[in-house]
PDB file of N, CA and C in Angstrom:
ATOM      1  N   MET A   1      -2.940 200.135 110.670  1.00  0.00           N
ATOM      2  CA  MET A   1      -4.300 200.574 110.500  1.00  0.00           C
ATOM      3  C   MET A   1      -5.025 199.567 109.609  1.00  0.00           C
ATOM      4  N   SER A   2      -6.070 198.964 110.126  1.00  0.00           N
ATOM      5  CA  SER A   2      -6.762 197.930 109.373  1.00  0.00           C
ATOM      6  C   SER A   2      -7.698 198.535 108.335  1.00  0.00           C
ATOM      7  N   ARG A   3      -7.991 197.763 107.324  1.00  0.00           N
ATOM      8  CA  ARG A   3      -8.902 198.201 106.276  1.00  0.00           C
ATOM      9  C   ARG A   3     -10.325 197.776 106.652  1.00  0.00           C
ATOM     10  N   ARG A   4     -10.843 198.384 107.699  1.00  0.00           N
ATOM     11  CA  ARG A   4     -12.167 198.032 108.203  1.00  0.00           C
ATOM     12  C   ARG A   4     -12.888 199.313 108.595  1.00  0.00           C
ATOM     13  N   CYS A   5     -14.148 199.416 108.207  1.00  0.00           N
ATOM     14  CA  CYS A   5     -14.959 200.586 108.546  1.00  0.00           C
ATOM     15  C   CYS A   5     -15.220 200.581 110.048  1.00  0.00           C
ATOM     16  N   GLU A   6     -15.046 201.737 110.687  1.00  0.00           N
ATOM     17  CA  GLU A   6     -15.197 201.823 112.143  1.00  0.00           C
ATOM     18  C   GLU A   6     -16.656 201.802 112.584  1.00  0.00           C
ATOM     19  N   LEU A   7     -17.590 202.070 111.684  1.00  0.00           N
ATOM     20  CA  LEU A   7     -19.000 202.107 112.070  1.00  0.00           C
ATOM     21  C   LEU A   7     -19.779 200.872 111.636  1.00  0.00           C
ATOM     22  N   THR A   8     -19.482 200.343 110.449  1.00  0.00           N
ATOM     23  CA  THR A   8     -20.252 199.203 109.958  1.00  0.00           C
ATOM     24  C   THR A   8     -19.489 197.892 110.026  1.00  0.00           C
ATOM     25  N   GLY A   9     -18.179 197.947 110.216  1.00  0.00           N
ATOM     26  CA  GLY A   9     -17.381 196.727 110.306  1.00  0.00           C
ATOM     27  C   GLY A   9     -17.069 196.102 108.957  1.00  0.00           C
ATOM     28  N   ILE A  10     -17.394 196.783 107.858  1.00  0.00           N
ATOM     29  CA  ILE A  10     -17.127 196.245 106.530  1.00  0.00           C
ATOM     30  C   ILE A  10     -15.622 196.156 106.330  1.00  0.00           C
ATOM     31  N   GLY A  11     -15.150 194.984 105.880  1.00  0.00           N
ATOM     32  CA  GLY A  11     -13.731 194.769 105.653  1.00  0.00           C
ATOM     33  C   GLY A  11     -13.474 194.208 104.266  1.00  0.00           C
ATOM     34  N   PRO A  12     -12.247 193.809 103.993  1.00  0.00           N
ATOM     35  CA  PRO A  12     -11.929 193.248 102.678  1.00  0.00           C
ATOM     36  C   PRO A  12     -12.682 191.944 102.429  1.00  0.00           C
ATOM     37  N   MET A  13     -13.074 191.738 101.177  1.00  0.00           N
ATOM     38  CA  MET A  13     -13.715 190.495 100.779  1.00  0.00           C
ATOM     39  C   MET A  13     -12.882 189.866  99.671  1.00  0.00           C
ATOM     40  N   VAL A  14     -13.059 188.589  99.456  1.00  0.00           N
ATOM     41  CA  VAL A  14     -12.302 187.901  98.414  1.00  0.00           C
ATOM     42  C   VAL A  14     -13.238 187.424  97.322  1.00  0.00           C
ATOM     43  N   GLY A  15     -12.687 187.318  96.135  1.00  0.00           N
ATOM     44  CA  GLY A  15     -13.456 186.850  94.987  1.00  0.00           C
ATOM     45  C   GLY A  15     -12.509 186.483  93.864  1.00  0.00           C
ATOM     46  N   HIS A  16     -13.003 186.537  92.646  1.00  0.00           N
ATOM     47  CA  HIS A  16     -12.212 186.163  91.490  1.00  0.00           C
ATOM     48  C   HIS A  16     -12.283 187.225  90.409  1.00  0.00           C
ATOM     49  N   ASN A  17     -11.157 187.405  89.700  1.00  0.00           N
ATOM     50  CA  ASN A  17     -11.182 188.054  88.399  1.00  0.00           C
ATOM     51  C   ASN A  17     -11.500 186.947  87.412  1.00  0.00           C
ATOM     52  N   VAL A  18     -12.458 187.166  86.531  1.00  0.00           N
ATOM     53  CA  VAL A  18     -12.826 186.146  85.559  1.00  0.00           C
ATOM     54  C   VAL A  18     -12.511 186.669  84.171  1.00  0.00           C
ATOM     55  N   SER A  19     -11.625 185.954  83.471  1.00  0.00           N
ATOM     56  CA  SER A  19     -11.221 186.375  82.135  1.00  0.00           C
ATOM     57  C   SER A  19     -12.270 185.958  81.102  1.00  0.00           C
ATOM     58  N   HIS A  20     -12.057 186.385  79.871  1.00  0.00           N
ATOM     59  CA  HIS A  20     -12.976 186.039  78.783  1.00  0.00           C
ATOM     60  C   HIS A  20     -13.033 184.524  78.587  1.00  0.00           C
ATOM     61  N   SER A  21     -11.897 183.845  78.817  1.00  0.00           N
ATOM     62  CA  SER A  21     -11.862 182.390  78.669  1.00  0.00           C
ATOM     63  C   SER A  21     -12.275 181.677  79.958  1.00  0.00           C
ATOM     64  N   ASN A  22     -12.843 182.436  80.904  1.00  0.00           N
ATOM     65  CA  ASN A  22     -13.395 181.910  82.162  1.00  0.00           C
ATOM     66  C   ASN A  22     -12.327 181.374  83.119  1.00  0.00           C
ATOM     67  N   ILE A  23     -11.099 181.888  83.017  1.00  0.00           N
ATOM     68  CA  ILE A  23     -10.056 181.536  83.972  1.00  0.00           C
ATOM     69  C   ILE A  23     -10.211 182.444  85.186  1.00  0.00           C
ATOM     70  N   LYS A  24     -10.255 181.841  86.354  1.00  0.00           N
ATOM     71  CA  LYS A  24     -10.490 182.604  87.583  1.00  0.00           C
ATOM     72  C   LYS A  24      -9.189 182.761  88.360  1.00  0.00           C
ATOM     73  N   THR A  25      -8.883 183.989  88.738  1.00  0.00           N
ATOM     74  CA  THR A  25      -7.724 184.261  89.586  1.00  0.00           C
ATOM     75  C   THR A  25      -8.207 184.999  90.823  1.00  0.00           C
ATOM     76  N   LYS A  26      -7.640 184.644  91.961  1.00  0.00           N
ATOM     77  CA  LYS A  26      -8.059 185.239  93.236  1.00  0.00           C
ATOM     78  C   LYS A  26      -7.755 186.728  93.275  1.00  0.00           C
ATOM     79  N   ARG A  27      -8.633 187.466  93.945  1.00  0.00           N
ATOM     80  CA  ARG A  27      -8.392 188.887  94.176  1.00  0.00           C
ATOM     81  C   ARG A  27      -9.102 189.317  95.448  1.00  0.00           C
ATOM     82  N   ARG A  28      -8.725 190.503  95.927  1.00  0.00           N
ATOM     83  CA  ARG A  28      -9.372 191.078  97.117  1.00  0.00           C
ATOM     84  C   ARG A  28     -10.168 192.307  96.705  1.00  0.00           C
ATOM     85  N   PHE A  29     -11.365 192.412  97.260  1.00  0.00           N
ATOM     86  CA  PHE A  29     -12.184 193.612  97.080  1.00  0.00           C
ATOM     87  C   PHE A  29     -12.045 194.429  98.356  1.00  0.00           C
ATOM     88  N   LEU A  30     -11.364 195.570  98.263  1.00  0.00           N
ATOM     89  CA  LEU A  30     -11.136 196.407  99.436  1.00  0.00           C
ATOM     90  C   LEU A  30     -12.243 197.446  99.564  1.00  0.00           C
ATOM     91  N   PRO A  31     -12.671 197.735 100.791  1.00  0.00           N
ATOM     92  CA  PRO A  31     -13.701 198.757 100.973  1.00  0.00           C
ATOM     93  C   PRO A  31     -13.145 200.145 100.675  1.00  0.00           C
ATOM     94  N   SER A  32     -14.026 201.013 100.223  1.00  0.00           N
ATOM     95  CA  SER A  32     -13.637 202.391  99.926  1.00  0.00           C
ATOM     96  C   SER A  32     -13.705 203.183 101.227  1.00  0.00           C
ATOM     97  N   LEU A  33     -12.566 203.315 101.909  1.00  0.00           N
ATOM     98  CA  LEU A  33     -12.520 203.980 103.206  1.00  0.00           C
ATOM     99  C   LEU A  33     -12.044 205.418 103.083  1.00  0.00           C
ATOM    100  N   LYS A  34     -12.666 206.289 103.844  1.00  0.00           N
ATOM    101  CA  LYS A  34     -12.292 207.691 103.893  1.00  0.00           C
ATOM    102  C   LYS A  34     -12.180 208.103 105.359  1.00  0.00           C
ATOM    103  N   THR A  35     -11.219 208.955 105.668  1.00  0.00           N
ATOM    104  CA  THR A  35     -11.115 209.524 107.003  1.00  0.00           C
ATOM    105  C   THR A  35     -11.939 210.801 107.018  1.00  0.00           C
ATOM    106  N   VAL A  36     -12.972 210.820 107.847  1.00  0.00           N
ATOM    107  CA  VAL A  36     -13.880 211.962 107.900  1.00  0.00           C
ATOM    108  C   VAL A  36     -14.003 212.453 109.334  1.00  0.00           C
ATOM    109  N   LYS A  37     -14.344 213.724 109.472  1.00  0.00           N
ATOM    110  CA  LYS A  37     -14.615 214.288 110.784  1.00  0.00           C
ATOM    111  C   LYS A  37     -16.120 214.413 110.934  1.00  0.00           C
ATOM    112  N   LEU A  38     -16.664 213.743 111.946  1.00  0.00           N
ATOM    113  CA  LEU A  38     -18.098 213.738 112.191  1.00  0.00           C
ATOM    114  C   LEU A  38     -18.384 214.459 113.497  1.00  0.00           C
ATOM    115  N   THR A  39     -19.447 215.251 113.512  1.00  0.00           N
ATOM    116  CA  THR A  39     -19.803 216.025 114.688  1.00  0.00           C
ATOM    117  C   THR A  39     -20.955 215.357 115.412  1.00  0.00           C
ATOM    118  N   SER A  40     -20.791 215.183 116.711  1.00  0.00           N
ATOM    119  CA  SER A  40     -21.862 214.678 117.563  1.00  0.00           C
ATOM    120  C   SER A  40     -22.635 215.878 118.096  1.00  0.00           C
ATOM    121  N   GLU A  41     -23.927 215.943 117.748  1.00  0.00           N
ATOM    122  CA  GLU A  41     -24.747 217.070 118.207  1.00  0.00           C
ATOM    123  C   GLU A  41     -24.998 216.987 119.707  1.00  0.00           C
ATOM    124  N   THR A  42     -25.118 215.786 120.236  1.00  0.00           N
ATOM    125  CA  THR A  42     -25.369 215.602 121.666  1.00  0.00           C
ATOM    126  C   THR A  42     -24.171 216.043 122.493  1.00  0.00           C
ATOM    127  N   LEU A  43     -22.968 215.620 122.075  1.00  0.00           N
ATOM    128  CA  LEU A  43     -21.768 215.922 122.840  1.00  0.00           C
ATOM    129  C   LEU A  43     -21.150 217.262 122.461  1.00  0.00           C
ATOM    130  N   GLY A  44     -21.443 217.742 121.258  1.00  0.00           N
ATOM    131  CA  GLY A  44     -20.846 218.987 120.788  1.00  0.00           C
ATOM    132  C   GLY A  44     -19.373 218.838 120.464  1.00  0.00           C
ATOM    133  N   GLN A  45     -18.962 217.637 120.086  1.00  0.00           N
ATOM    134  CA  GLN A  45     -17.557 217.359 119.767  1.00  0.00           C
ATOM    135  C   GLN A  45     -17.438 216.841 118.340  1.00  0.00           C
ATOM    136  N   THR A  46     -16.240 216.952 117.795  1.00  0.00           N
ATOM    137  CA  THR A  46     -15.954 216.411 116.474  1.00  0.00           C
ATOM    138  C   THR A  46     -15.031 215.210 116.632  1.00  0.00           C
ATOM    139  N   PHE A  47     -15.355 214.127 115.929  1.00  0.00           N
ATOM    140  CA  PHE A  47     -14.576 212.895 115.992  1.00  0.00           C
ATOM    141  C   PHE A  47     -14.077 212.552 114.591  1.00  0.00           C
ATOM    142  N   SER A  48     -12.834 212.099 114.517  1.00  0.00           N
ATOM    143  CA  SER A  48     -12.254 211.668 113.259  1.00  0.00           C
ATOM    144  C   SER A  48     -12.347 210.150 113.179  1.00  0.00           C
ATOM    145  N   LEU A  49     -13.077 209.647 112.191  1.00  0.00           N
ATOM    146  CA  LEU A  49     -13.278 208.209 112.026  1.00  0.00           C
ATOM    147  C   LEU A  49     -12.950 207.805 110.594  1.00  0.00           C
ATOM    148  N   ARG A  50     -12.501 206.569 110.431  1.00  0.00           N
ATOM    149  CA  ARG A  50     -12.211 206.020 109.106  1.00  0.00           C
ATOM    150  C   ARG A  50     -13.387 205.126 108.724  1.00  0.00           C
ATOM    151  N   ILE A  51     -14.254 205.642 107.853  1.00  0.00           N
ATOM    152  CA  ILE A  51     -15.474 204.921 107.512  1.00  0.00           C
ATOM    153  C   ILE A  51     -15.587 204.741 106.007  1.00  0.00           C
ATOM    154  N   SER A  52     -16.454 203.820 105.598  1.00  0.00           N
ATOM    155  CA  SER A  52     -16.679 203.570 104.180  1.00  0.00           C
ATOM    156  C   SER A  52     -17.637 204.615 103.614  1.00  0.00           C
ATOM    157  N   ASN A  53     -17.615 204.756 102.296  1.00  0.00           N
ATOM    158  CA  ASN A  53     -18.537 205.689 101.643  1.00  0.00           C
ATOM    159  C   ASN A  53     -19.977 205.271 101.889  1.00  0.00           C
ATOM    160  N   ALA A  54     -20.241 203.975 101.905  1.00  0.00           N
ATOM    161  CA  ALA A  54     -21.593 203.489 102.166  1.00  0.00           C
ATOM    162  C   ALA A  54     -22.044 203.878 103.567  1.00  0.00           C
ATOM    163  N   ALA A  55     -21.148 203.812 104.539  1.00  0.00           N
ATOM    164  CA  ALA A  55     -21.485 204.207 105.910  1.00  0.00           C
ATOM    165  C   ALA A  55     -21.771 205.700 105.995  1.00  0.00           C
ATOM    166  N   LEU A  56     -21.057 206.497 105.220  1.00  0.00           N
ATOM    167  CA  LEU A  56     -21.291 207.942 105.203  1.00  0.00           C
ATOM    168  C   LEU A  56     -22.682 208.249 104.664  1.00  0.00           C
ATOM    169  N   ARG A  57     -23.080 207.556 103.602  1.00  0.00           N
ATOM    170  CA  ARG A  57     -24.433 207.731 103.059  1.00  0.00           C
ATOM    171  C   ARG A  57     -25.476 207.260 104.066  1.00  0.00           C
ATOM    172  N   THR A  58     -25.193 206.177 104.774  1.00  0.00           N
ATOM    173  CA  THR A  58     -26.123 205.660 105.770  1.00  0.00           C
ATOM    174  C   THR A  58     -26.282 206.651 106.919  1.00  0.00           C
ATOM    175  N   LEU A  59     -25.200 207.299 107.335  1.00  0.00           N
ATOM    176  CA  LEU A  59     -25.271 208.311 108.388  1.00  0.00           C
ATOM    177  C   LEU A  59     -26.204 209.441 107.986  1.00  0.00           C
ATOM    178  N   ASP A  60     -26.084 209.904 106.747  1.00  0.00           N
ATOM    179  CA  ASP A  60     -26.965 210.965 106.267  1.00  0.00           C
ATOM    180  C   ASP A  60     -28.419 210.500 106.264  1.00  0.00           C
ATOM    181  N   TYR A  61     -28.644 209.272 105.842  1.00  0.00           N
ATOM    182  CA  TYR A  61     -29.999 208.723 105.753  1.00  0.00           C
ATOM    183  C   TYR A  61     -30.630 208.570 107.138  1.00  0.00           C
ATOM    184  N   LYS A  62     -29.853 208.075 108.096  1.00  0.00           N
ATOM    185  CA  LYS A  62     -30.379 207.812 109.440  1.00  0.00           C
ATOM    186  C   LYS A  62     -30.568 209.091 110.260  1.00  0.00           C
ATOM    187  N   GLY A  63     -29.868 210.160 109.911  1.00  0.00           N
ATOM    188  CA  GLY A  63     -30.071 211.414 110.632  1.00  0.00           C
ATOM    189  C   GLY A  63     -28.883 211.874 111.462  1.00  0.00           C
ATOM    190  N   GLY A  64     -27.700 211.348 111.201  1.00  0.00           N
ATOM    191  CA  GLY A  64     -26.519 211.838 111.899  1.00  0.00           C
ATOM    192  C   GLY A  64     -25.811 210.768 112.702  1.00  0.00           C
ATOM    193  N   LEU A  65     -24.674 211.155 113.247  1.00  0.00           N
ATOM    194  CA  LEU A  65     -23.814 210.223 113.981  1.00  0.00           C
ATOM    195  C   LEU A  65     -24.491 209.692 115.235  1.00  0.00           C
ATOM    196  N   ASP A  66     -25.125 210.581 116.004  1.00  0.00           N
ATOM    197  CA  ASP A  66     -25.708 210.164 117.286  1.00  0.00           C
ATOM    198  C   ASP A  66     -26.793 209.110 117.112  1.00  0.00           C
ATOM    199  N   VAL A  67     -27.699 209.334 116.183  1.00  0.00           N
ATOM    200  CA  VAL A  67     -28.802 208.395 115.955  1.00  0.00           C
ATOM    201  C   VAL A  67     -28.262 207.052 115.475  1.00  0.00           C
ATOM    202  N   PHE A  68     -27.323 207.094 114.531  1.00  0.00           N
ATOM    203  CA  PHE A  68     -26.775 205.857 113.988  1.00  0.00           C
ATOM    204  C   PHE A  68     -26.027 205.060 115.036  1.00  0.00           C
ATOM    205  N   ILE A  69     -25.171 205.732 115.789  1.00  0.00           N
ATOM    206  CA  ILE A  69     -24.270 205.027 116.703  1.00  0.00           C
ATOM    207  C   ILE A  69     -25.019 204.452 117.907  1.00  0.00           C
ATOM    208  N   VAL A  70     -26.090 205.106 118.340  1.00  0.00           N
ATOM    209  CA  VAL A  70     -26.859 204.586 119.474  1.00  0.00           C
ATOM    210  C   VAL A  70     -27.594 203.306 119.087  1.00  0.00           C
ATOM    211  N   LYS A  71     -28.069 203.229 117.840  1.00  0.00           N
ATOM    212  CA  LYS A  71     -28.824 202.062 117.392  1.00  0.00           C
ATOM    213  C   LYS A  71     -27.932 200.931 116.877  1.00  0.00           C
ATOM    214  N   ALA A  72     -26.645 201.198 116.641  1.00  0.00           N
ATOM    215  CA  ALA A  72     -25.742 200.191 116.075  1.00  0.00           C
ATOM    216  C   ALA A  72     -25.369 199.142 117.120  1.00  0.00           C
ATOM    217  N   ARG A  73     -25.119 197.922 116.643  1.00  0.00           N
ATOM    218  CA  ARG A  73     -24.676 196.847 117.519  1.00  0.00           C
ATOM    219  C   ARG A  73     -23.195 197.041 117.851  1.00  0.00           C
ATOM    220  N   ASP A  74     -22.808 196.672 119.067  1.00  0.00           N
ATOM    221  CA  ASP A  74     -21.422 196.854 119.509  1.00  0.00           C
ATOM    222  C   ASP A  74     -20.439 196.007 118.699  1.00  0.00           C
ATOM    223  N   GLU A  75     -20.895 194.859 118.169  1.00  0.00           N
ATOM    224  CA  GLU A  75     -19.997 193.988 117.406  1.00  0.00           C
ATOM    225  C   GLU A  75     -19.539 194.672 116.115  1.00  0.00           C
ATOM    226  N   GLN A  76     -20.381 195.548 115.556  1.00  0.00           N
ATOM    227  CA  GLN A  76     -20.030 196.249 114.327  1.00  0.00           C
ATOM    228  C   GLN A  76     -19.025 197.362 114.573  1.00  0.00           C
ATOM    229  N   LEU A  77     -19.117 198.002 115.713  1.00  0.00           N
ATOM    230  CA  LEU A  77     -18.361 199.219 115.978  1.00  0.00           C
ATOM    231  C   LEU A  77     -16.932 198.928 116.411  1.00  0.00           C
ATOM    232  N   SER A  78     -16.029 199.824 116.054  1.00  0.00           N
ATOM    233  CA  SER A  78     -14.658 199.728 116.539  1.00  0.00           C
ATOM    234  C   SER A  78     -14.621 200.145 118.009  1.00  0.00           C
ATOM    235  N   ILE A  79     -13.484 199.984 118.639  1.00  0.00           N
ATOM    236  CA  ILE A  79     -13.349 200.348 120.057  1.00  0.00           C
ATOM    237  C   ILE A  79     -13.567 201.839 120.247  1.00  0.00           C
ATOM    238  N   ALA A  80     -13.036 202.649 119.330  1.00  0.00           N
ATOM    239  CA  ALA A  80     -13.225 204.105 119.418  1.00  0.00           C
ATOM    240  C   ALA A  80     -14.696 204.469 119.267  1.00  0.00           C
ATOM    241  N   ALA A  81     -15.391 203.809 118.344  1.00  0.00           N
ATOM    242  CA  ALA A  81     -16.812 204.093 118.128  1.00  0.00           C
ATOM    243  C   ALA A  81     -17.646 203.628 119.328  1.00  0.00           C
ATOM    244  N   GLN A  82     -17.257 202.529 119.966  1.00  0.00           N
ATOM    245  CA  GLN A  82     -17.959 202.076 121.165  1.00  0.00           C
ATOM    246  C   GLN A  82     -17.797 203.085 122.286  1.00  0.00           C
ATOM    247  N   ARG A  83     -16.632 203.691 122.386  1.00  0.00           N
ATOM    248  CA  ARG A  83     -16.384 204.721 123.398  1.00  0.00           C
ATOM    249  C   ARG A  83     -17.290 205.932 123.148  1.00  0.00           C
ATOM    250  N   ILE A  84     -17.421 206.337 121.888  1.00  0.00           N
ATOM    251  CA  ILE A  84     -18.310 207.445 121.531  1.00  0.00           C
ATOM    252  C   ILE A  84     -19.751 207.090 121.871  1.00  0.00           C
ATOM    253  N   LYS A  85     -20.132 205.855 121.589  1.00  0.00           N
ATOM    254  CA  LYS A  85     -21.503 205.407 121.872  1.00  0.00           C
ATOM    255  C   LYS A  85     -21.810 205.498 123.368  1.00  0.00           C
ATOM    256  N   ARG A  86     -20.865 205.074 124.206  1.00  0.00           N
ATOM    257  CA  ARG A  86     -21.073 205.154 125.658  1.00  0.00           C
ATOM    258  C   ARG A  86     -21.219 206.607 126.107  1.00  0.00           C
ATOM    259  N   GLN A  87     -20.402 207.501 125.546  1.00  0.00           N
ATOM    260  CA  GLN A  87     -20.480 208.915 125.901  1.00  0.00           C
ATOM    261  C   GLN A  87     -21.822 209.516 125.498  1.00  0.00           C
ATOM    262  N   VAL A  88     -22.294 209.171 124.302  1.00  0.00           N
ATOM    263  CA  VAL A  88     -23.574 209.706 123.810  1.00  0.00           C
ATOM    264  C   VAL A  88     -24.718 209.204 124.677  1.00  0.00           C
ATOM    265  N   ARG A  89     -24.714 207.899 124.984  1.00  0.00           N
ATOM    266  CA  ARG A  89     -25.786 207.342 125.827  1.00  0.00           C
ATOM    267  C   ARG A  89     -25.792 207.980 127.215  1.00  0.00           C
ATOM    268  N   ALA A  90     -24.614 208.202 127.787  1.00  0.00           N
ATOM    269  CA  ALA A  90     -24.535 208.817 129.116  1.00  0.00           C
ATOM    270  C   ALA A  90     -25.065 210.244 129.075  1.00  0.00           C
ATOM    271  N   LYS A  91     -24.727 210.975 128.028  1.00  0.00           N
ATOM    272  CA  LYS A  91     -25.190 212.358 127.897  1.00  0.00           C
ATOM    273  C   LYS A  91     -26.703 212.418 127.702  1.00  0.00           C
ATOM    274  N   ILE A  92     -27.258 211.496 126.914  1.00  0.00           N
ATOM    275  CA  ILE A  92     -28.710 211.446 126.700  1.00  0.00           C
ATOM    276  C   ILE A  92     -29.415 211.120 128.014  1.00  0.00           C
ATOM    277  N   ALA A  93     -28.872 210.165 128.777  1.00  0.00           N
ATOM    278  CA  ALA A  93     -29.468 209.809 130.073  1.00  0.00           C
ATOM    279  C   ALA A  93     -29.391 210.985 131.041  1.00  0.00           C
ATOM    280  N   GLU A  94     -28.284 211.710 131.008  1.00  0.00           N
ATOM    281  CA  GLU A  94     -28.107 212.878 131.872  1.00  0.00           C
ATOM    282  C   GLU A  94     -29.124 213.969 131.519  1.00  0.00           C
ATOM    283  N   GLN A  95     -29.332 214.191 130.225  1.00  0.00           N
ATOM    284  CA  GLN A  95     -30.313 215.191 129.786  1.00  0.00           C
ATOM    285  C   GLN A  95     -31.735 214.774 130.143  1.00  0.00           C
ATOM    286  N   ALA A  96     -32.035 213.475 130.052  1.00  0.00           N
ATOM    287  CA  ALA A  96     -33.365 212.980 130.401  1.00  0.00           C
ATOM    288  C   ALA A  96     -33.614 213.117 131.896  1.00  0.00           C
ATOM    289  N   ALA A  97     -32.583 212.867 132.711  1.00  0.00           N
ATOM    290  CA  ALA A  97     -32.727 213.002 134.164  1.00  0.00           C
ATOM    291  C   ALA A  97     -32.920 214.465 134.545  1.00  0.00           C
ATOM    292  N   ALA A  98     -32.240 215.357 133.847  1.00  0.00           N
ATOM    293  CA  ALA A  98     -32.370 216.783 134.143  1.00  0.00           C
ATOM    294  C   ALA A  98     -33.744 217.316 133.734  1.00  0.00           C
ATOM    295  N   ALA A  99     -34.313 216.735 132.677  1.00  0.00           N
ATOM    296  CA  ALA A  99     -35.625 217.184 132.198  1.00  0.00           C
ATOM    297  C   ALA A  99     -36.753 216.656 133.085  1.00  0.00           C
ATOM    298  N   ALA A 100     -36.519 215.540 133.749  1.00  0.00           N
ATOM    299  CA  ALA A 100     -37.581 214.928 134.577  1.00  0.00           C
ATOM    300  C   ALA A 100     -37.659 215.528 135.963  1.00  0.00           C
TER     301      ALA A 100
END
């Protein structure tokens, strides 16, 4: 299981620990990942995704999983998230066709 957010693509970054005497040693900054269950209002299903805390706050800000995932670029999303995106888009198109 990789240390990468499934929605934003945020992964480990590298940097330095800097001591008082300015000696730099390499270190990794790992993203704060949590496994959460997110509900798609369009599909009426619950999905378990491993996302960062920042992505969780962004989901709340944008208005939910469906809105965020439809507008997200495919390069950012994991394969599982891309599959959810295709399902949501198909369901939205189906609802639009039924309404017309």
